[in-house]
Amino acid sequence: MMAFAYTLIVLLVITSILLTMLILLHRGKGGGLSSMFGGGVSSSLAGSSVAEKNLDRYTVLVGIIWFACIVGLGLWLKVAMANPVS
């Protein structure tokens, strides 16, 4: 049972690093804080390249795996706390 937790923890660390890198690879679409106050120019998403679309897909996939690891660890912790081994 502990091997499952260690596997989830390692997977969580790997996906956290990968998700951070994938998010940082995305091209900025806004003008930062100035666009929040109406100073930015709106950009169209229709002109996205294939590489940008694939990057979006990979980011969503890694995000889903990351979320599943969080939920799995939470459920494992709930079961482990309900049945402590002395």
PDB file of N, CA and C in Angstrom:
ATOM      1  N   MET A   1       0.824  -1.198   0.000  1.00  0.00           N
ATOM      2  CA  MET A   1       0.000   0.000   0.000  1.00  0.00           C
ATOM      3  C   MET A   1       0.869   1.263   0.000  1.00  0.00           C
ATOM      4  N   MET A   2       2.033   1.186   0.633  1.00  0.00           N
ATOM      5  CA  MET A   2       2.919   2.356   0.646  1.00  0.00           C
ATOM      6  C   MET A   2       3.539   2.598  -0.729  1.00  0.00           C
ATOM      7  N   ALA A   3       3.725   1.528  -1.506  1.00  0.00           N
ATOM      8  CA  ALA A   3       4.290   1.690  -2.853  1.00  0.00           C
ATOM      9  C   ALA A   3       3.357   2.529  -3.730  1.00  0.00           C
ATOM     10  N   PHE A   4       2.053   2.369  -3.523  1.00  0.00           N
ATOM     11  CA  PHE A   4       1.068   3.168  -4.269  1.00  0.00           C
ATOM     12  C   PHE A   4       1.235   4.653  -3.942  1.00  0.00           C
ATOM     13  N   ALA A   5       1.405   4.953  -2.673  1.00  0.00           N
ATOM     14  CA  ALA A   5       1.568   6.353  -2.263  1.00  0.00           C
ATOM     15  C   ALA A   5       2.861   6.937  -2.810  1.00  0.00           C
ATOM     16  N   TYR A   6       3.946   6.168  -2.739  1.00  0.00           N
ATOM     17  CA  TYR A   6       5.216   6.659  -3.261  1.00  0.00           C
ATOM     18  C   TYR A   6       5.162   6.863  -4.779  1.00  0.00           C
ATOM     19  N   THR A   7       4.471   5.982  -5.466  1.00  0.00           N
ATOM     20  CA  THR A   7       4.303   6.134  -6.908  1.00  0.00           C
ATOM     21  C   THR A   7       3.531   7.400  -7.234  1.00  0.00           C
ATOM     22  N   LEU A   8       2.459   7.658  -6.485  1.00  0.00           N
ATOM     23  CA  LEU A   8       1.681   8.882  -6.711  1.00  0.00           C
ATOM     24  C   LEU A   8       2.491  10.134  -6.395  1.00  0.00           C
ATOM     25  N   ILE A   9       3.307  10.073  -5.353  1.00  0.00           N
ATOM     26  CA  ILE A   9       4.119  11.237  -4.992  1.00  0.00           C
ATOM     27  C   ILE A   9       5.150  11.533  -6.081  1.00  0.00           C
ATOM     28  N   VAL A  10       5.811  10.492  -6.574  1.00  0.00           N
ATOM     29  CA  VAL A  10       6.800  10.690  -7.650  1.00  0.00           C
ATOM     30  C   VAL A  10       6.115  11.220  -8.903  1.00  0.00           C
ATOM     31  N   LEU A  11       4.967  10.647  -9.245  1.00  0.00           N
ATOM     32  CA  LEU A  11       4.214  11.113 -10.410  1.00  0.00           C
ATOM     33  C   LEU A  11       3.747  12.556 -10.228  1.00  0.00           C
ATOM     34  N   LEU A  12       3.376  12.908  -9.014  1.00  0.00           N
ATOM     35  CA  LEU A  12       2.946  14.276  -8.723  1.00  0.00           C
ATOM     36  C   LEU A  12       4.099  15.267  -8.896  1.00  0.00           C
ATOM     37  N   VAL A  13       5.270  14.910  -8.428  1.00  0.00           N
ATOM     38  CA  VAL A  13       6.431  15.794  -8.568  1.00  0.00           C
ATOM     39  C   VAL A  13       6.792  15.971 -10.045  1.00  0.00           C
ATOM     40  N   ILE A  14       6.800  14.864 -10.787  1.00  0.00           N
ATOM     41  CA  ILE A  14       7.145  14.938 -12.211  1.00  0.00           C
ATOM     42  C   ILE A  14       6.125  15.778 -12.976  1.00  0.00           C
ATOM     43  N   THR A  15       4.831  15.533 -12.727  1.00  0.00           N
ATOM     44  CA  THR A  15       3.817  16.304 -13.445  1.00  0.00           C
ATOM     45  C   THR A  15       3.800  17.763 -13.011  1.00  0.00           C
ATOM     46  N   SER A  16       4.145  18.052 -11.768  1.00  0.00           N
ATOM     47  CA  SER A  16       4.207  19.449 -11.323  1.00  0.00           C
ATOM     48  C   SER A  16       5.294  20.207 -12.076  1.00  0.00           C
ATOM     49  N   ILE A  17       6.461  19.591 -12.197  1.00  0.00           N
ATOM     50  CA  ILE A  17       7.564  20.235 -12.925  1.00  0.00           C
ATOM     51  C   ILE A  17       7.210  20.371 -14.404  1.00  0.00           C
ATOM     52  N   LEU A  18       6.658  19.309 -14.981  1.00  0.00           N
ATOM     53  CA  LEU A  18       6.291  19.334 -16.391  1.00  0.00           C
ATOM     54  C   LEU A  18       5.190  20.352 -16.671  1.00  0.00           C
ATOM     55  N   LEU A  19       4.212  20.434 -15.782  1.00  0.00           N
ATOM     56  CA  LEU A  19       3.120  21.395 -15.957  1.00  0.00           C
ATOM     57  C   LEU A  19       3.639  22.830 -15.872  1.00  0.00           C
ATOM     58  N   THR A  20       4.549  23.079 -14.959  1.00  0.00           N
ATOM     59  CA  THR A  20       5.148  24.416 -14.856  1.00  0.00           C
ATOM     60  C   THR A  20       5.888  24.779 -16.139  1.00  0.00           C
ATOM     61  N   MET A  21       6.662  23.831 -16.661  1.00  0.00           N
ATOM     62  CA  MET A  21       7.405  24.102 -17.892  1.00  0.00           C
ATOM     63  C   MET A  21       6.468  24.313 -19.075  1.00  0.00           C
ATOM     64  N   LEU A  22       5.416  23.512 -19.178  1.00  0.00           N
ATOM     65  CA  LEU A  22       4.473  23.668 -20.284  1.00  0.00           C
ATOM     66  C   LEU A  22       3.740  25.006 -20.218  1.00  0.00           C
ATOM     67  N   ILE A  23       3.370  25.425 -19.030  1.00  0.00           N
ATOM     68  CA  ILE A  23       2.685  26.716 -18.882  1.00  0.00           C
ATOM     69  C   ILE A  23       3.616  27.861 -19.260  1.00  0.00           C
ATOM     70  N   LEU A  24       4.876  27.747 -18.884  1.00  0.00           N
ATOM     71  CA  LEU A  24       5.822  28.804 -19.226  1.00  0.00           C
ATOM     72  C   LEU A  24       6.136  28.845 -20.725  1.00  0.00           C
ATOM     73  N   LEU A  25       5.922  27.742 -21.434  1.00  0.00           N
ATOM     74  CA  LEU A  25       6.158  27.723 -22.879  1.00  0.00           C
ATOM     75  C   LEU A  25       5.062  28.429 -23.672  1.00  0.00           C
ATOM     76  N   HIS A  26       3.907  28.625 -23.066  1.00  0.00           N
ATOM     77  CA  HIS A  26       2.808  29.278 -23.773  1.00  0.00           C
ATOM     78  C   HIS A  26       3.147  30.725 -24.097  1.00  0.00           C
ATOM     79  N   ARG A  27       2.668  31.139 -25.260  1.00  0.00           N
ATOM     80  CA  ARG A  27       2.861  32.514 -25.697  1.00  0.00           C
ATOM     81  C   ARG A  27       1.833  33.387 -24.989  1.00  0.00           C
ATOM     82  N   GLY A  28       2.260  34.542 -24.512  1.00  0.00           N
ATOM     83  CA  GLY A  28       1.345  35.463 -23.862  1.00  0.00           C
ATOM     84  C   GLY A  28       0.334  36.012 -24.843  1.00  0.00           C
ATOM     85  N   LYS A  29      -0.908  36.053 -24.436  1.00  0.00           N
ATOM     86  CA  LYS A  29      -1.952  36.543 -25.339  1.00  0.00           C
ATOM     87  C   LYS A  29      -2.452  37.926 -24.938  1.00  0.00           C
ATOM     88  N   GLY A  30      -2.081  38.387 -23.775  1.00  0.00           N
ATOM     89  CA  GLY A  30      -2.548  39.682 -23.309  1.00  0.00           C
ATOM     90  C   GLY A  30      -1.391  40.634 -23.094  1.00  0.00           C
ATOM     91  N   GLY A  31      -1.728  41.828 -22.686  1.00  0.00           N
ATOM     92  CA  GLY A  31      -0.710  42.828 -22.444  1.00  0.00           C
ATOM     93  C   GLY A  31      -0.393  43.013 -20.977  1.00  0.00           C
ATOM     94  N   GLY A  32      -0.662  41.999 -20.160  1.00  0.00           N
ATOM     95  CA  GLY A  32      -0.374  42.110 -18.742  1.00  0.00           C
ATOM     96  C   GLY A  32      -1.453  42.893 -18.019  1.00  0.00           C
ATOM     97  N   LEU A  33      -1.050  43.689 -17.059  1.00  0.00           N
ATOM     98  CA  LEU A  33      -2.002  44.445 -16.250  1.00  0.00           C
ATOM     99  C   LEU A  33      -2.704  45.530 -17.057  1.00  0.00           C
ATOM    100  N   SER A  34      -2.025  46.040 -18.083  1.00  0.00           N
ATOM    101  CA  SER A  34      -2.655  47.111 -18.859  1.00  0.00           C
ATOM    102  C   SER A  34      -3.890  46.607 -19.613  1.00  0.00           C
ATOM    103  N   SER A  35      -3.880  45.356 -20.033  1.00  0.00           N
ATOM    104  CA  SER A  35      -5.048  44.832 -20.751  1.00  0.00           C
ATOM    105  C   SER A  35      -6.220  44.604 -19.802  1.00  0.00           C
ATOM    106  N   MET A  36      -5.928  44.436 -18.531  1.00  0.00           N
ATOM    107  CA  MET A  36      -7.000  44.227 -17.566  1.00  0.00           C
ATOM    108  C   MET A  36      -7.830  45.503 -17.396  1.00  0.00           C
ATOM    109  N   PHE A  37      -7.215  46.624 -17.616  1.00  0.00           N
ATOM    110  CA  PHE A  37      -7.914  47.898 -17.453  1.00  0.00           C
ATOM    111  C   PHE A  37      -8.345  48.505 -18.780  1.00  0.00           C
ATOM    112  N   GLY A  38      -8.388  47.708 -19.837  1.00  0.00           N
ATOM    113  CA  GLY A  38      -8.903  48.176 -21.117  1.00  0.00           C
ATOM    114  C   GLY A  38      -7.856  48.716 -22.049  1.00  0.00           C
ATOM    115  N   GLY A  39      -6.586  48.625 -21.727  1.00  0.00           N
ATOM    116  CA  GLY A  39      -5.546  49.168 -22.591  1.00  0.00           C
ATOM    117  C   GLY A  39      -5.002  48.176 -23.595  1.00  0.00           C
ATOM    118  N   GLY A  40      -5.400  46.902 -23.480  1.00  0.00           N
ATOM    119  CA  GLY A  40      -4.862  45.874 -24.367  1.00  0.00           C
ATOM    120  C   GLY A  40      -5.670  45.718 -25.627  1.00  0.00           C
ATOM    121  N   VAL A  41      -5.050  45.162 -26.624  1.00  0.00           N
ATOM    122  CA  VAL A  41      -5.720  44.879 -27.885  1.00  0.00           C
ATOM    123  C   VAL A  41      -6.130  43.413 -27.856  1.00  0.00           C
ATOM    124  N   SER A  42      -7.378  43.139 -28.233  1.00  0.00           N
ATOM    125  CA  SER A  42      -7.842  41.752 -28.205  1.00  0.00           C
ATOM    126  C   SER A  42      -7.196  40.969 -29.341  1.00  0.00           C
ATOM    127  N   SER A  43      -6.825  39.726 -29.049  1.00  0.00           N
ATOM    128  CA  SER A  43      -6.195  38.887 -30.067  1.00  0.00           C
ATOM    129  C   SER A  43      -7.120  37.735 -30.421  1.00  0.00           C
ATOM    130  N   SER A  44      -7.028  37.294 -31.643  1.00  0.00           N
ATOM    131  CA  SER A  44      -7.870  36.206 -32.124  1.00  0.00           C
ATOM    132  C   SER A  44      -7.168  34.875 -31.894  1.00  0.00           C
ATOM    133  N   LEU A  45      -7.917  33.879 -31.419  1.00  0.00           N
ATOM    134  CA  LEU A  45      -7.353  32.557 -31.216  1.00  0.00           C
ATOM    135  C   LEU A  45      -7.413  31.715 -32.487  1.00  0.00           C
ATOM    136  N   ALA A  46      -8.061  32.217 -33.530  1.00  0.00           N
ATOM    137  CA  ALA A  46      -8.198  31.455 -34.760  1.00  0.00           C
ATOM    138  C   ALA A  46      -6.866  31.305 -35.477  1.00  0.00           C
ATOM    139  N   GLY A  47      -5.914  32.175 -35.221  1.00  0.00           N
ATOM    140  CA  GLY A  47      -4.633  32.120 -35.896  1.00  0.00           C
ATOM    141  C   GLY A  47      -3.603  31.271 -35.186  1.00  0.00           C
ATOM    142  N   SER A  48      -4.020  30.413 -34.290  1.00  0.00           N
ATOM    143  CA  SER A  48      -3.083  29.572 -33.559  1.00  0.00           C
ATOM    144  C   SER A  48      -2.436  28.555 -34.486  1.00  0.00           C
ATOM    145  N   SER A  49      -1.184  28.298 -34.258  1.00  0.00           N
ATOM    146  CA  SER A  49      -0.483  27.312 -35.067  1.00  0.00           C
ATOM    147  C   SER A  49      -0.741  25.908 -34.517  1.00  0.00           C
ATOM    148  N   VAL A  50      -0.311  24.922 -35.276  1.00  0.00           N
ATOM    149  CA  VAL A  50      -0.481  23.528 -34.869  1.00  0.00           C
ATOM    150  C   VAL A  50       0.336  23.258 -33.611  1.00  0.00           C
ATOM    151  N   ALA A  51       1.533  23.846 -33.537  1.00  0.00           N
ATOM    152  CA  ALA A  51       2.377  23.654 -32.362  1.00  0.00           C
ATOM    153  C   ALA A  51       1.706  24.216 -31.110  1.00  0.00           C
ATOM    154  N   GLU A  52       1.058  25.351 -31.245  1.00  0.00           N
ATOM    155  CA  GLU A  52       0.367  25.967 -30.109  1.00  0.00           C
ATOM    156  C   GLU A  52      -0.822  25.114 -29.661  1.00  0.00           C
ATOM    157  N   LYS A  53      -1.540  24.543 -30.624  1.00  0.00           N
ATOM    158  CA  LYS A  53      -2.668  23.681 -30.279  1.00  0.00           C
ATOM    159  C   LYS A  53      -2.193  22.402 -29.590  1.00  0.00           C
ATOM    160  N   ASN A  54      -1.095  21.828 -30.081  1.00  0.00           N
ATOM    161  CA  ASN A  54      -0.544  20.636 -29.438  1.00  0.00           C
ATOM    162  C   ASN A  54      -0.041  20.951 -28.037  1.00  0.00           C
ATOM    163  N   LEU A  55       0.566  22.107 -27.866  1.00  0.00           N
ATOM    164  CA  LEU A  55       1.020  22.523 -26.544  1.00  0.00           C
ATOM    165  C   LEU A  55      -0.165  22.662 -25.587  1.00  0.00           C
ATOM    166  N   ASP A  56      -1.270  23.185 -26.090  1.00  0.00           N
ATOM    167  CA  ASP A  56      -2.485  23.280 -25.279  1.00  0.00           C
ATOM    168  C   ASP A  56      -2.978  21.893 -24.865  1.00  0.00           C
ATOM    169  N   ARG A  57      -2.957  20.962 -25.812  1.00  0.00           N
ATOM    170  CA  ARG A  57      -3.426  19.597 -25.517  1.00  0.00           C
ATOM    171  C   ARG A  57      -2.534  18.925 -24.478  1.00  0.00           C
ATOM    172  N   TYR A  58      -1.222  19.066 -24.639  1.00  0.00           N
ATOM    173  CA  TYR A  58      -0.299  18.463 -23.678  1.00  0.00           C
ATOM    174  C   TYR A  58      -0.470  19.075 -22.292  1.00  0.00           C
ATOM    175  N   THR A  59      -0.684  20.377 -22.250  1.00  0.00           N
ATOM    176  CA  THR A  59      -0.870  21.044 -20.966  1.00  0.00           C
ATOM    177  C   THR A  59      -2.132  20.546 -20.276  1.00  0.00           C
ATOM    178  N   VAL A  60      -3.209  20.388 -21.028  1.00  0.00           N
ATOM    179  CA  VAL A  60      -4.454  19.879 -20.442  1.00  0.00           C
ATOM    180  C   VAL A  60      -4.272  18.438 -19.969  1.00  0.00           C
ATOM    181  N   LEU A  61      -3.604  17.605 -20.768  1.00  0.00           N
ATOM    182  CA  LEU A  61      -3.387  16.212 -20.399  1.00  0.00           C
ATOM    183  C   LEU A  61      -2.553  16.092 -19.123  1.00  0.00           C
ATOM    184  N   VAL A  62      -1.465  16.842 -19.048  1.00  0.00           N
ATOM    185  CA  VAL A  62      -0.621  16.802 -17.851  1.00  0.00           C
ATOM    186  C   VAL A  62      -1.384  17.370 -16.652  1.00  0.00           C
ATOM    187  N   GLY A  63      -2.215  18.380 -16.882  1.00  0.00           N
ATOM    188  CA  GLY A  63      -3.027  18.940 -15.797  1.00  0.00           C
ATOM    189  C   GLY A  63      -4.032  17.934 -15.257  1.00  0.00           C
ATOM    190  N   ILE A  64      -4.615  17.131 -16.139  1.00  0.00           N
ATOM    191  CA  ILE A  64      -5.561  16.100 -15.699  1.00  0.00           C
ATOM    192  C   ILE A  64      -4.841  15.025 -14.888  1.00  0.00           C
ATOM    193  N   ILE A  65      -3.654  14.620 -15.346  1.00  0.00           N
ATOM    194  CA  ILE A  65      -2.879  13.627 -14.599  1.00  0.00           C
ATOM    195  C   ILE A  65      -2.477  14.185 -13.238  1.00  0.00           C
ATOM    196  N   TRP A  66      -2.053  15.459 -13.207  1.00  0.00           N
ATOM    197  CA  TRP A  66      -1.682  16.113 -11.948  1.00  0.00           C
ATOM    198  C   TRP A  66      -2.867  16.137 -10.981  1.00  0.00           C
ATOM    199  N   PHE A  67      -4.045  16.494 -11.493  1.00  0.00           N
ATOM    200  CA  PHE A  67      -5.243  16.542 -10.660  1.00  0.00           C
ATOM    201  C   PHE A  67      -5.609  15.149 -10.139  1.00  0.00           C
ATOM    202  N   ALA A  68      -5.476  14.127 -10.989  1.00  0.00           N
ATOM    203  CA  ALA A  68      -5.767  12.754 -10.565  1.00  0.00           C
ATOM    204  C   ALA A  68      -4.814  12.306  -9.463  1.00  0.00           C
ATOM    205  N   CYS A  69      -3.564  12.729  -9.541  1.00  0.00           N
ATOM    206  CA  CYS A  69      -2.604  12.398  -8.478  1.00  0.00           C
ATOM    207  C   CYS A  69      -2.997  13.057  -7.159  1.00  0.00           C
ATOM    208  N   ILE A  70      -3.436  14.300  -7.214  1.00  0.00           N
ATOM    209  CA  ILE A  70      -3.866  15.006  -6.008  1.00  0.00           C
ATOM    210  C   ILE A  70      -5.065  14.298  -5.386  1.00  0.00           C
ATOM    211  N   VAL A  71      -6.040  13.948  -6.199  1.00  0.00           N
ATOM    212  CA  VAL A  71      -7.234  13.269  -5.693  1.00  0.00           C
ATOM    213  C   VAL A  71      -6.869  11.886  -5.154  1.00  0.00           C
ATOM    214  N   GLY A  72      -6.019  11.152  -5.877  1.00  0.00           N
ATOM    215  CA  GLY A  72      -5.591   9.831  -5.424  1.00  0.00           C
ATOM    216  C   GLY A  72      -4.863   9.876  -4.094  1.00  0.00           C
ATOM    217  N   LEU A  73      -3.970  10.847  -3.932  1.00  0.00           N
ATOM    218  CA  LEU A  73      -3.266  10.985  -2.654  1.00  0.00           C
ATOM    219  C   LEU A  73      -4.218  11.367  -1.528  1.00  0.00           C
ATOM    220  N   GLY A  74      -5.177  12.209  -1.824  1.00  0.00           N
ATOM    221  CA  GLY A  74      -6.161  12.586  -0.810  1.00  0.00           C
ATOM    222  C   GLY A  74      -7.000  11.407  -0.366  1.00  0.00           C
ATOM    223  N   LEU A  75      -7.436  10.594  -1.329  1.00  0.00           N
ATOM    224  CA  LEU A  75      -8.218   9.400  -0.986  1.00  0.00           C
ATOM    225  C   LEU A  75      -7.376   8.386  -0.231  1.00  0.00           C
ATOM    226  N   TRP A  76      -6.115   8.214  -0.654  1.00  0.00           N
ATOM    227  CA  TRP A  76      -5.226   7.292   0.041  1.00  0.00           C
ATOM    228  C   TRP A  76      -4.987   7.748   1.477  1.00  0.00           C
ATOM    229  N   LEU A  77      -4.795   9.036   1.665  1.00  0.00           N
ATOM    230  CA  LEU A  77      -4.579   9.569   3.010  1.00  0.00           C
ATOM    231  C   LEU A  77      -5.818   9.386   3.878  1.00  0.00           C
ATOM    232  N   LYS A  78      -6.992   9.554   3.300  1.00  0.00           N
ATOM    233  CA  LYS A  78      -8.231   9.355   4.042  1.00  0.00           C
ATOM    234  C   LYS A  78      -8.367   7.901   4.503  1.00  0.00           C
ATOM    235  N   VAL A  79      -8.048   6.967   3.607  1.00  0.00           N
ATOM    236  CA  VAL A  79      -8.120   5.548   3.967  1.00  0.00           C
ATOM    237  C   VAL A  79      -7.040   5.191   4.982  1.00  0.00           C
ATOM    238  N   ALA A  80      -5.843   5.745   4.806  1.00  0.00           N
ATOM    239  CA  ALA A  80      -4.742   5.433   5.711  1.00  0.00           C
ATOM    240  C   ALA A  80      -5.003   5.968   7.116  1.00  0.00           C
ATOM    241  N   MET A  81      -5.645   7.115   7.218  1.00  0.00           N
ATOM    242  CA  MET A  81      -5.962   7.680   8.531  1.00  0.00           C
ATOM    243  C   MET A  81      -7.121   6.945   9.203  1.00  0.00           C
ATOM    244  N   ALA A  82      -8.010   6.392   8.392  1.00  0.00           N
ATOM    245  CA  ALA A  82      -9.150   5.653   8.949  1.00  0.00           C
ATOM    246  C   ALA A  82      -8.723   4.282   9.482  1.00  0.00           C
ATOM    247  N   ASN A  83      -7.655   3.717   8.888  1.00  0.00           N
ATOM    248  CA  ASN A  83      -7.177   2.400   9.287  1.00  0.00           C
ATOM    249  C   ASN A  83      -5.688   2.465   9.632  1.00  0.00           C
ATOM    250  N   PRO A  84      -5.328   3.074  10.761  1.00  0.00           N
ATOM    251  CA  PRO A  84      -3.895   3.189  11.098  1.00  0.00           C
ATOM    252  C   PRO A  84      -3.317   1.832  11.465  1.00  0.00           C
ATOM    253  N   VAL A  85      -2.072   1.639  11.045  1.00  0.00           N
ATOM    254  CA  VAL A  85      -1.338   0.401  11.365  1.00  0.00           C
ATOM    255  C   VAL A  85      -0.425   0.701  12.533  1.00  0.00           C
ATOM    256  N   SER A  86      -0.567  -0.072  13.587  1.00  0.00           N
ATOM    257  CA  SER A  86       0.221   0.168  14.806  1.00  0.00           C
ATOM    258  C   SER A  86       1.535  -0.548  14.756  1.00  0.00           C
TER     259      SER A  86
END
